[in-house]
Protein backbone atom coordinates (compact mmCIF):
# COMPACT_ATOMS: atom_id res chain seq x y z
CA MET A 1 7.58 88.48 117.72
CA ALA A 2 9.12 85.06 117.56
CA GLY A 3 7.34 82.59 115.32
CA VAL A 4 5.71 85.02 112.93
CA ASN A 5 8.54 85.30 110.43
CA PHE A 6 7.88 81.78 109.10
CA PHE A 7 4.95 83.40 107.26
CA GLY A 8 7.37 85.77 105.60
CA GLY A 9 7.42 89.21 104.03
CA GLU A 10 4.37 91.42 103.89
CA ALA A 11 2.03 88.96 105.65
CA ALA A 12 4.33 88.76 108.69
CA ARG A 13 4.65 92.55 108.80
CA LEU A 14 0.88 93.04 108.63
CA PHE A 15 0.21 90.46 111.33
CA GLU A 16 2.86 92.00 113.59
CA ARG A 17 1.28 95.45 113.08
CA GLU A 18 -2.15 94.05 113.96
CA VAL A 19 -0.75 92.54 117.18
CA GLU A 20 0.88 95.86 118.12
CA LEU A 21 -2.32 97.78 117.40
CA MET A 22 -4.53 95.39 119.38
CA ALA A 23 -2.08 95.44 122.32
CA SER A 24 -2.27 99.24 122.44
CA CYS A 25 -6.10 99.45 122.44
CA HIS A 26 -7.73 99.77 125.86
CA HIS A 27 -11.36 100.85 125.73
CA PRO A 28 -14.63 99.48 127.16
CA HIS A 29 -16.06 99.09 123.64
CA ILE A 30 -13.08 97.16 122.23
CA VAL A 31 -12.50 93.50 123.07
CA GLN A 32 -9.52 92.90 125.31
CA PHE A 33 -6.46 91.51 123.52
CA PHE A 34 -4.69 88.67 125.32
CA GLY A 35 -2.06 87.68 122.77
CA TYR A 36 -1.55 85.61 119.66
CA VAL A 37 -0.64 82.10 118.58
CA ALA A 38 1.50 81.24 115.57
CA LYS A 39 0.95 77.48 115.30
CA PRO A 40 -0.92 75.65 113.94
CA ALA A 41 -2.11 78.94 112.34
CA LEU A 42 -1.79 82.65 113.05
CA ALA A 43 -4.61 83.81 115.31
CA LEU A 44 -5.37 86.70 117.65
CA VAL A 45 -6.53 85.74 121.14
CA VAL A 46 -9.20 88.13 122.43
CA GLU A 47 -11.88 88.08 125.11
CA MET A 48 -15.14 86.26 124.45
CA MET A 49 -18.19 88.44 123.93
CA GLU A 50 -21.89 87.79 124.15
CA GLY A 51 -24.22 88.36 121.23
CA GLY A 52 -22.86 86.14 118.47
CA THR A 53 -19.85 86.25 116.22
CA ILE A 54 -18.35 89.26 114.49
CA GLU A 55 -19.29 87.65 111.18
CA GLU A 56 -22.95 87.94 112.20
CA HIS A 57 -22.61 91.68 112.83
CA VAL A 58 -20.21 92.91 110.15
CA PRO A 59 -21.49 92.62 106.59
CA ARG A 60 -19.14 91.14 104.02
CA LYS A 61 -18.55 92.91 100.74
CA LYS A 62 -20.06 91.19 97.76
CA PRO A 63 -17.55 90.02 95.15
CA GLY A 64 -16.87 92.81 92.70
CA ALA A 65 -18.35 95.51 94.98
CA ARG A 66 -16.42 98.74 95.29
CA ALA A 67 -15.18 99.87 98.69
């Protein structure tokens, strides 16, 4: 993946793995993955869904909470 290595080390490896995983997922209940952009910031490009943002549906852990 050209353009990701500027991030370097572990972060680049994790982002590359996420791109590979998203590209391999094909299911009606998983958003379609279109690609990624590296500049101005790393971002996954996925299909738009109705019903709000993922942040509205997935609770965030409270600081100090155990997994």
